Amino acid sequence: MQLSKRLEPLSFNVFADMDRAKATAKAAGQDLIDLSLGSSDLPAPSHALSAIAQSLQDSSTHGYSLFSNTEAFRQAAAQWYNNKFGISVDPETEVLPLIGSQEGTAHLPLAVLNPGDFALLQDPSYPSHSGGVYLAGGQVYPMPLLAENKFLPVLADIPQSVLAQAKMMVLSYPHNPTTAIAPLSFLEEAVAFCQKHNLVLVHDAPYLDFVFDTFSEALGKQALAPSIFQADREKSVSIEFFTMSKSYSMGGFRVGYAIGNAQLIQALRQVKACIDFNQYRGILNGAIAALTGPQEVVRETVEIFRQRRDIFVGALEKIGWPVPMPSATMYVWAKLPELWANDSVGFCVGLVESTGVAVAPGAGFGKAGEGYVRFALVHKPEVLSRAVEKISVFLGGS
């Protein structure tokens, strides 16, 4: 059987190696503590669940959900942006419901790229960013994110030969996996760069709410991470993706949305129309309730993860593994000890097989991620502390 060549760039997947290592650990009787996936362990908001439960009894919600059926959700998403950022959004032409933001990042390249075109991607980056480019027949130009540059790409380093063939740039801040925050000044620089070079600017922003410190070097006194539309208020070149998975702990419900340039929204809508309908309308009703209901649940969620961050980073410090204190996201991005500096996959496979603690290897996010691992703070503090104890034993024996 001859399969498509577009699958070839997708064949390298270190997370598949990790899945096999986790299975091996469980089969050997290890008590698995999985810190490798950013899937929140917290429940969805009760008012969102109530809205979904009520919808189940309404047979009018049981059919296909066409674009017209998503009007109330699009209005809620537009109002959410206006409330948070003072940005005016047209729910009819500038909002598109998505099956999680990953759908947007994976499918937009089909609407933007021709075969051979370049997409400028962060390195390291979330895997679906490159996957969507490869499926569209595009080429990836990696923009290294280095600690000495505060994990921001140096746009001036991108060669003119690449820019001549480039159609889009993908950014994501607060950033997974490095946890970095981009100041508004950098987003303004990126918008101007994309306008100059006729690039679509994609901003994947699932962690807009996940900022722990109300004052930071990157944000000043702004408690939220900036939206790309604070830098591109006319929506001239930009599209931004948001998901209910993080702020509202609704990852399994698979609901997010795109906000952006009307032409880009329409193009992504055309791709989406060939692939799927929308979610069950009851799930959209739950998302509406989350977006329009009490927002204390978001602040409480962020506070829970801030406390976990403090406990986990403090515990690593005590075992002799100092890491920077992340200002955002639900992750810790840790530079590996010298022995493992060039083998993040080996470290992670060895750790889970011998201790049951699973973490994500930096190499899985790109070449510049090698030498790091990502911890997802998706367990209660006592479990996180136990994980660090196991890590300490592993490091002592390696």
Protein backbone atom coordinates (compact mmCIF):
# COMPACT_ATOMS: atom_id res chain seq x y z
CA MET A 1 0.00 0.00 0.00
CA GLN A 2 1.46 3.37 -1.05
CA LEU A 3 0.59 6.12 1.40
CA SER A 4 0.96 9.85 0.90
CA LYS A 5 4.42 11.36 1.10
CA ARG A 6 2.99 14.15 3.22
CA LEU A 7 2.98 11.71 6.13
CA GLU A 8 6.78 11.37 6.06
CA PRO A 9 7.55 14.57 8.05
CA LEU A 10 5.08 13.40 10.70
CA SER A 11 6.81 10.06 11.30
CA PHE A 12 9.24 11.45 13.94
CA ASN A 13 7.20 11.60 17.12
CA VAL A 14 9.01 11.39 20.44
CA PHE A 15 5.68 11.45 22.24
CA ALA A 16 4.90 8.03 20.73
CA ASP A 17 8.15 6.83 22.33
CA MET A 18 6.94 8.28 25.62
CA ASP A 19 3.59 6.52 25.32
CA ARG A 20 5.40 3.21 24.87
CA ALA A 21 7.64 3.95 27.86
CA LYS A 22 4.60 4.79 30.01
CA ALA A 23 2.96 1.52 28.98
CA THR A 24 6.14 -0.36 29.90
CA ALA A 25 6.24 1.33 33.30
CA LYS A 26 2.60 0.47 34.04
CA ALA A 27 3.10 -3.13 32.93
CA ALA A 28 6.05 -3.37 35.35
CA GLY A 29 3.79 -2.22 38.20
CA GLN A 30 5.00 1.36 38.46
CA ASP A 31 2.64 3.91 40.03
CA LEU A 32 2.39 6.35 37.11
CA ILE A 33 2.56 10.09 37.81
CA ASP A 34 1.96 11.69 34.43
CA LEU A 35 3.38 15.20 34.16
CA SER A 36 3.83 14.93 30.40
CA LEU A 37 0.43 16.19 29.18
CA GLY A 38 -1.06 19.63 29.75
CA SER A 39 -4.52 18.24 30.51
CA SER A 40 -5.99 19.94 33.57
CA ASP A 41 -7.11 17.73 36.44
CA LEU A 42 -9.62 20.37 37.58
CA PRO A 43 -13.36 20.10 36.84
CA ALA A 44 -15.19 22.23 34.30
CA PRO A 45 -17.27 25.10 35.79
CA SER A 46 -20.52 23.87 37.32
CA HIS A 47 -22.61 26.44 35.42
CA ALA A 48 -21.11 25.17 32.15
CA LEU A 49 -21.96 21.57 33.05
CA SER A 50 -25.51 22.60 33.99
CA ALA A 51 -26.00 24.26 30.60
CA ILE A 52 -24.80 21.09 28.85
CA ALA A 53 -27.04 18.88 31.01
CA GLN A 54 -30.09 21.00 30.24
CA SER A 55 -29.31 20.85 26.52
CA LEU A 56 -29.35 17.06 26.56
CA GLN A 57 -33.10 17.12 27.16
CA ASP A 58 -33.67 19.50 24.25
CA SER A 59 -33.98 17.43 21.07
CA SER A 60 -33.51 20.53 18.91
CA THR A 61 -29.82 20.42 19.90
CA HIS A 62 -29.33 16.86 18.66
CA GLY A 63 -28.87 17.55 14.96
CA TYR A 64 -26.00 18.92 12.92
CA SER A 65 -24.69 22.32 14.04
CA LEU A 66 -24.34 24.60 11.03
CA PHE A 67 -22.59 27.97 11.15
CA SER A 68 -25.93 29.70 11.72
CA ASN A 69 -26.49 27.56 14.82
CA THR A 70 -23.31 28.94 16.40
CA GLU A 71 -24.43 32.58 16.46
CA ALA A 72 -24.91 32.76 20.24
CA PHE A 73 -21.48 31.22 20.81
CA ARG A 74 -19.83 33.64 18.37
CA GLN A 75 -21.50 36.55 20.12
CA ALA A 76 -20.24 35.31 23.51
CA ALA A 77 -16.69 34.95 22.17
CA ALA A 78 -16.76 38.44 20.65
CA GLN A 79 -18.02 39.93 23.92
CA TRP A 80 -15.35 38.05 25.90
CA TYR A 81 -12.64 39.73 23.81
CA ASN A 82 -14.27 43.12 24.18
CA ASN A 83 -14.54 42.72 27.95
CA LYS A 84 -10.92 41.61 28.39
CA PHE A 85 -9.08 43.72 25.85
CA GLY A 86 -11.43 46.48 24.72
CA ILE A 87 -11.30 45.04 21.20
CA SER A 88 -14.36 45.32 18.98
CA VAL A 89 -15.12 42.02 17.21
CA ASP A 90 -17.81 41.29 14.60
CA PRO A 91 -19.31 37.90 15.57
CA GLU A 92 -20.58 37.33 12.02
CA THR A 93 -17.34 37.84 10.08
CA GLU A 94 -14.48 37.79 12.62
CA VAL A 95 -15.27 34.73 14.80
CA LEU A 96 -15.18 31.01 13.95
CA PRO A 97 -15.92 28.16 16.39
CA LEU A 98 -13.25 25.46 16.47
CA ILE A 99 -12.88 21.95 17.86
CA GLY A 100 -10.14 23.24 20.14
CA SER A 101 -7.48 25.72 19.05
CA GLN A 102 -5.40 22.82 17.69
CA GLU A 103 -7.90 22.48 14.86
CA GLY A 104 -7.20 26.08 13.89
CA THR A 105 -3.41 25.80 13.93
CA ALA A 106 -3.49 22.51 12.03
CA HIS A 107 -6.00 23.55 9.34
CA LEU A 108 -5.17 27.21 8.68
CA PRO A 109 -2.03 26.33 6.64
CA LEU A 110 -4.34 24.58 4.15
CA ALA A 111 -5.97 27.95 3.55
CA VAL A 112 -2.78 30.03 3.45
CA LEU A 113 0.09 27.98 2.02
CA ASN A 114 0.80 26.64 -1.43
CA PRO A 115 3.17 23.67 -1.73
CA GLY A 116 6.72 24.83 -1.07
CA ASP A 117 5.78 28.00 0.78
CA PHE A 118 7.54 28.67 4.10
CA ALA A 119 5.90 29.08 7.47
CA LEU A 120 7.98 30.75 10.16
CA LEU A 121 7.55 28.75 13.36
CA GLN A 122 8.92 29.05 16.86
CA ASP A 123 11.48 26.44 17.90
CA PRO A 124 10.50 24.92 20.28
CA SER A 125 6.79 25.00 19.50
CA TYR A 126 3.58 23.06 19.96
CA PRO A 127 3.68 20.05 17.57
CA SER A 128 0.45 20.83 15.67
CA HIS A 129 2.00 24.06 14.40
CA SER A 130 4.48 22.18 12.23
CA GLY A 131 2.11 19.30 11.53
CA GLY A 132 -0.39 21.57 9.83
CA VAL A 133 2.34 23.11 7.67
CA TYR A 134 3.60 19.71 6.52
CA LEU A 135 0.09 18.49 5.71
CA ALA A 136 -0.37 21.57 3.54
CA GLY A 137 2.86 20.79 1.64
CA GLY A 138 4.69 23.75 3.16
CA GLN A 139 8.19 24.12 4.51
CA VAL A 140 9.05 25.01 8.09
CA TYR A 141 11.61 27.69 8.91
CA PRO A 142 12.39 27.38 12.64
CA MET A 143 12.89 30.58 14.65
CA PRO A 144 15.02 29.55 17.66
CA LEU A 145 13.77 30.61 21.08
CA LEU A 146 16.75 30.98 23.39
CA ALA A 147 16.92 31.82 27.07
CA GLU A 148 19.32 34.71 26.40
CA ASN A 149 16.64 36.28 24.18
CA LYS A 150 13.90 35.69 26.75
CA PHE A 151 12.53 33.00 24.45
CA LEU A 152 11.53 35.54 21.82
CA PRO A 153 12.52 34.99 18.17
CA VAL A 154 14.99 37.41 16.61
CA LEU A 155 13.07 38.47 13.51
CA ALA A 156 16.08 40.20 11.98
CA ASP A 157 17.83 36.82 11.72
CA ILE A 158 15.32 35.43 9.21
CA PRO A 159 17.03 35.27 5.79
CA GLN A 160 15.59 37.30 2.93
CA SER A 161 15.60 34.17 0.76
CA VAL A 162 13.19 32.54 3.23
CA LEU A 163 11.02 35.64 3.52
CA ALA A 164 10.65 35.71 -0.26
CA GLN A 165 8.91 32.32 -0.04
CA ALA A 166 7.15 32.78 3.31
CA LYS A 167 3.40 33.19 3.73
CA MET A 168 2.82 32.97 7.47
CA MET A 169 4.37 33.32 10.92
CA VAL A 170 3.07 31.42 13.94
CA LEU A 171 3.59 32.77 17.46
CA SER A 172 2.19 31.55 20.76
CA TYR A 173 2.44 33.53 24.00
CA PRO A 174 2.35 32.82 26.88
CA HIS A 175 4.44 30.11 25.35
CA ASN A 176 4.16 26.36 25.52
CA PRO A 177 6.63 24.88 26.37
CA THR A 178 9.03 27.63 27.55
CA THR A 179 6.39 29.50 29.66
CA ALA A 180 7.69 32.84 28.30
CA ILE A 181 5.48 35.92 28.02
CA ALA A 182 5.82 38.26 25.05
CA PRO A 183 5.54 41.95 25.92
CA LEU A 184 3.18 44.03 23.82
CA SER A 185 6.19 45.79 22.31
CA PHE A 186 7.37 42.51 20.76
CA LEU A 187 3.92 41.73 19.37
CA GLU A 188 3.87 45.21 17.82
CA GLU A 189 7.26 44.46 16.25
CA ALA A 190 5.92 41.16 14.90
CA VAL A 191 2.83 42.80 13.41
CA ALA A 192 4.92 45.45 11.67
CA PHE A 193 7.28 42.74 10.38
CA CYS A 194 4.40 40.69 8.95
CA GLN A 195 2.80 43.76 7.39
CA LYS A 196 6.12 44.65 5.73
CA HIS A 197 6.68 41.14 4.35
CA ASN A 198 3.04 40.34 3.52
CA LEU A 199 2.80 37.50 6.05
CA VAL A 200 -0.24 36.14 7.85
CA LEU A 201 0.39 36.38 11.59
CA VAL A 202 -1.08 33.49 13.57
CA HIS A 203 -1.19 33.79 17.36
CA ASP A 204 -2.07 30.62 19.27
CA ALA A 205 -3.12 31.95 22.67
CA PRO A 206 -4.62 29.29 24.95
CA TYR A 207 -2.87 30.73 28.03
CA LEU A 208 -3.99 34.37 27.86
CA ASP A 209 -5.48 34.07 31.37
CA PHE A 210 -2.68 31.92 32.79
CA VAL A 211 -0.47 34.69 34.14
CA PHE A 212 0.56 34.25 37.77
CA ASP A 213 2.17 37.56 38.66
CA THR A 214 0.30 40.83 38.21
CA PHE A 215 3.63 42.58 37.75
CA SER A 216 6.38 41.22 35.59
CA GLU A 217 9.17 42.54 33.44
CA ALA A 218 7.29 41.47 30.32
CA LEU A 219 3.84 42.77 31.24
CA GLY A 220 4.42 45.75 33.47
CA LYS A 221 1.21 46.18 35.48
CA GLN A 222 -1.04 44.33 33.03
CA ALA A 223 -2.47 41.21 34.70
CA LEU A 224 -3.34 39.52 31.41
CA ALA A 225 -1.02 38.46 28.66
CA PRO A 226 -1.60 40.68 25.62
CA SER A 227 -3.78 39.70 22.71
CA ILE A 228 -2.30 40.07 19.23
CA PHE A 229 -5.10 42.53 18.51
CA GLN A 230 -3.72 45.00 20.98
CA ALA A 231 -0.87 45.23 18.46
CA ASP A 232 -3.04 44.82 15.33
CA ARG A 233 -6.28 46.59 16.26
CA GLU A 234 -7.37 46.78 12.62
CA LYS A 235 -6.92 43.00 12.28
CA SER A 236 -4.87 43.74 9.18
CA VAL A 237 -2.82 40.51 9.08
CA SER A 238 -3.68 38.57 12.23
CA ILE A 239 -5.74 35.70 13.52
CA GLU A 240 -5.76 34.48 17.14
CA PHE A 241 -6.85 31.13 18.55
CA PHE A 242 -8.31 30.59 22.02
CA THR A 243 -9.52 27.42 23.70
CA MET A 244 -11.75 26.58 26.64
CA SER A 245 -9.28 23.85 27.65
CA LYS A 246 -7.07 25.85 30.02
CA SER A 247 -8.94 28.79 31.56
CA TYR A 248 -12.13 26.76 31.97
CA SER A 249 -10.71 23.21 32.36
CA MET A 250 -12.82 21.97 29.43
CA GLY A 251 -10.13 20.18 27.41
CA GLY A 252 -12.18 17.06 26.78
CA PHE A 253 -15.11 19.05 25.44
CA ARG A 254 -12.99 20.19 22.47
CA VAL A 255 -14.21 23.74 22.02
CA GLY A 256 -12.28 26.86 21.06
CA TYR A 257 -12.52 29.65 18.54
CA ALA A 258 -10.65 31.89 16.13
CA ILE A 259 -10.84 35.67 16.20
CA GLY A 260 -9.34 37.66 13.37
CA ASN A 261 -9.09 39.18 9.97
CA ALA A 262 -12.39 38.53 8.15
CA GLN A 263 -10.66 37.16 5.04
CA LEU A 264 -8.68 34.66 7.14
CA ILE A 265 -11.78 33.65 9.10
CA GLN A 266 -13.66 33.02 5.86
CA ALA A 267 -10.76 31.01 4.42
CA LEU A 268 -10.52 28.81 7.52
CA ARG A 269 -14.30 28.42 7.47
CA GLN A 270 -14.07 27.07 3.90
CA VAL A 271 -11.52 24.46 4.98
CA LYS A 272 -13.58 23.53 8.02
CA ALA A 273 -16.72 23.11 5.90
CA CYS A 274 -14.99 20.32 3.96
CA ILE A 275 -13.95 18.44 7.11
CA ASP A 276 -16.61 18.67 9.81
CA PHE A 277 -19.72 20.27 11.20
CA ASN A 278 -19.47 21.97 14.57
CA GLN A 279 -19.64 20.43 18.03
CA TYR A 280 -22.83 19.23 19.63
CA ARG A 281 -24.85 22.36 20.35
CA GLY A 282 -25.07 21.47 24.03
CA ILE A 283 -21.29 21.74 24.35
CA LEU A 284 -21.44 25.19 22.74
CA ASN A 285 -24.12 26.12 25.28
CA GLY A 286 -21.75 25.05 28.04
CA ALA A 287 -18.98 27.16 26.52
CA ILE A 288 -21.34 30.16 26.32
CA ALA A 289 -22.15 29.72 30.01
CA ALA A 290 -18.43 29.60 30.84
CA LEU A 291 -17.59 32.70 28.80
CA THR A 292 -20.52 34.79 30.03
CA GLY A 293 -20.90 33.47 33.57
CA PRO A 294 -18.93 34.18 36.76
CA GLN A 295 -15.22 34.52 35.99
CA GLU A 296 -14.04 33.82 39.53
CA VAL A 297 -13.50 30.23 38.42
CA VAL A 298 -10.74 31.40 36.07
CA ARG A 299 -8.96 33.34 38.81
CA GLU A 300 -9.31 30.37 41.18
CA THR A 301 -7.86 28.02 38.56
CA VAL A 302 -4.88 30.27 37.95
CA GLU A 303 -4.28 30.58 41.69
CA ILE A 304 -4.30 26.78 42.10
CA PHE A 305 -1.64 26.45 39.42
CA ARG A 306 0.38 29.31 40.91
CA GLN A 307 0.50 27.45 44.23
CA ARG A 308 1.51 24.26 42.46
CA ARG A 309 4.23 26.15 40.61
CA ASP A 310 5.67 27.50 43.86
CA ILE A 311 5.65 24.09 45.54
CA PHE A 312 7.12 22.23 42.57
CA VAL A 313 9.88 24.72 41.79
CA GLY A 314 10.75 24.88 45.49
CA ALA A 315 10.96 21.10 45.69
CA LEU A 316 13.25 20.93 42.65
CA GLU A 317 15.45 23.58 44.22
CA LYS A 318 15.79 21.45 47.38
CA ILE A 319 17.07 18.44 45.42
CA GLY A 320 19.65 20.58 43.65
CA TRP A 321 17.83 21.23 40.37
CA PRO A 322 17.26 25.00 40.20
CA VAL A 323 14.85 26.19 37.47
CA PRO A 324 13.50 29.66 36.63
CA MET A 325 10.15 30.51 38.18
CA PRO A 326 7.59 30.55 35.33
CA SER A 327 5.38 33.63 35.13
CA ALA A 328 2.66 31.94 33.08
CA THR A 329 1.12 28.67 31.77
CA MET A 330 0.67 25.39 33.64
CA TYR A 331 4.23 24.20 32.96
CA VAL A 332 7.78 24.30 34.24
CA TRP A 333 10.48 24.39 31.53
CA ALA A 334 13.62 22.95 33.06
CA LYS A 335 17.14 22.73 31.70
CA LEU A 336 18.41 19.21 32.21
CA PRO A 337 21.40 18.35 34.40
CA GLU A 338 24.68 18.14 32.47
CA LEU A 339 24.64 14.35 32.18
CA TRP A 340 21.42 14.53 30.15
CA ALA A 341 22.04 17.84 28.36
CA ASN A 342 21.83 16.28 24.88
CA ASP A 343 19.39 13.45 25.51
CA SER A 344 16.04 14.67 26.74
CA VAL A 345 14.27 11.61 25.31
CA GLY A 346 16.69 9.26 27.07
CA PHE A 347 16.15 11.09 30.34
CA CYS A 348 12.35 10.94 30.05
CA VAL A 349 12.23 7.29 28.99
CA GLY A 350 14.62 6.28 31.76
CA LEU A 351 12.75 8.33 34.35
CA VAL A 352 9.32 6.88 33.63
CA GLU A 353 10.53 3.30 33.30
CA SER A 354 12.41 3.38 36.59
CA THR A 355 10.16 5.65 38.69
CA GLY A 356 6.78 5.98 36.95
CA VAL A 357 7.17 9.76 36.61
CA ALA A 358 6.41 10.84 33.04
CA VAL A 359 7.54 14.22 31.71
CA ALA A 360 7.77 15.66 28.19
CA PRO A 361 11.17 15.72 26.45
CA GLY A 362 12.19 19.08 25.05
CA ALA A 363 13.27 17.45 21.77
CA GLY A 364 9.61 16.73 21.08
CA PHE A 365 8.97 20.44 20.64
CA GLY A 366 11.83 21.13 18.24
CA LYS A 367 15.60 21.16 17.86
CA ALA A 368 16.05 24.13 20.21
CA GLY A 369 14.11 22.26 22.88
CA GLU A 370 16.83 19.63 23.27
CA GLY A 371 18.43 19.81 26.71
CA TYR A 372 15.14 20.68 28.40
CA VAL A 373 12.12 18.88 29.78
CA ARG A 374 8.60 20.17 30.38
CA PHE A 375 6.70 19.39 33.57
CA ALA A 376 2.91 19.82 33.48
CA LEU A 377 1.56 20.81 36.90
CA VAL A 378 -1.61 18.76 36.51
CA HIS A 379 -1.67 17.04 39.91
CA LYS A 380 -2.28 18.07 43.48
CA PRO A 381 0.69 19.42 45.48
CA GLU A 382 1.26 16.20 47.41
CA VAL A 383 1.54 14.24 44.16
CA LEU A 384 3.92 16.82 42.69
CA SER A 385 6.09 16.57 45.80
CA ARG A 386 6.14 12.78 45.54
CA ALA A 387 7.15 13.09 41.88
CA VAL A 388 10.14 15.26 42.82
CA GLU A 389 11.20 12.72 45.44
CA LYS A 390 11.21 10.03 42.75
CA ILE A 391 13.13 12.32 40.38
CA SER A 392 15.72 12.85 43.11
CA VAL A 393 16.22 9.09 43.46
CA PHE A 394 16.59 8.72 39.69
CA LEU A 395 19.15 11.52 39.46
CA GLY A 396 21.08 10.07 42.36
CA GLY A 397 21.35 6.75 40.60
CA SER A 398 22.14 8.02 37.11
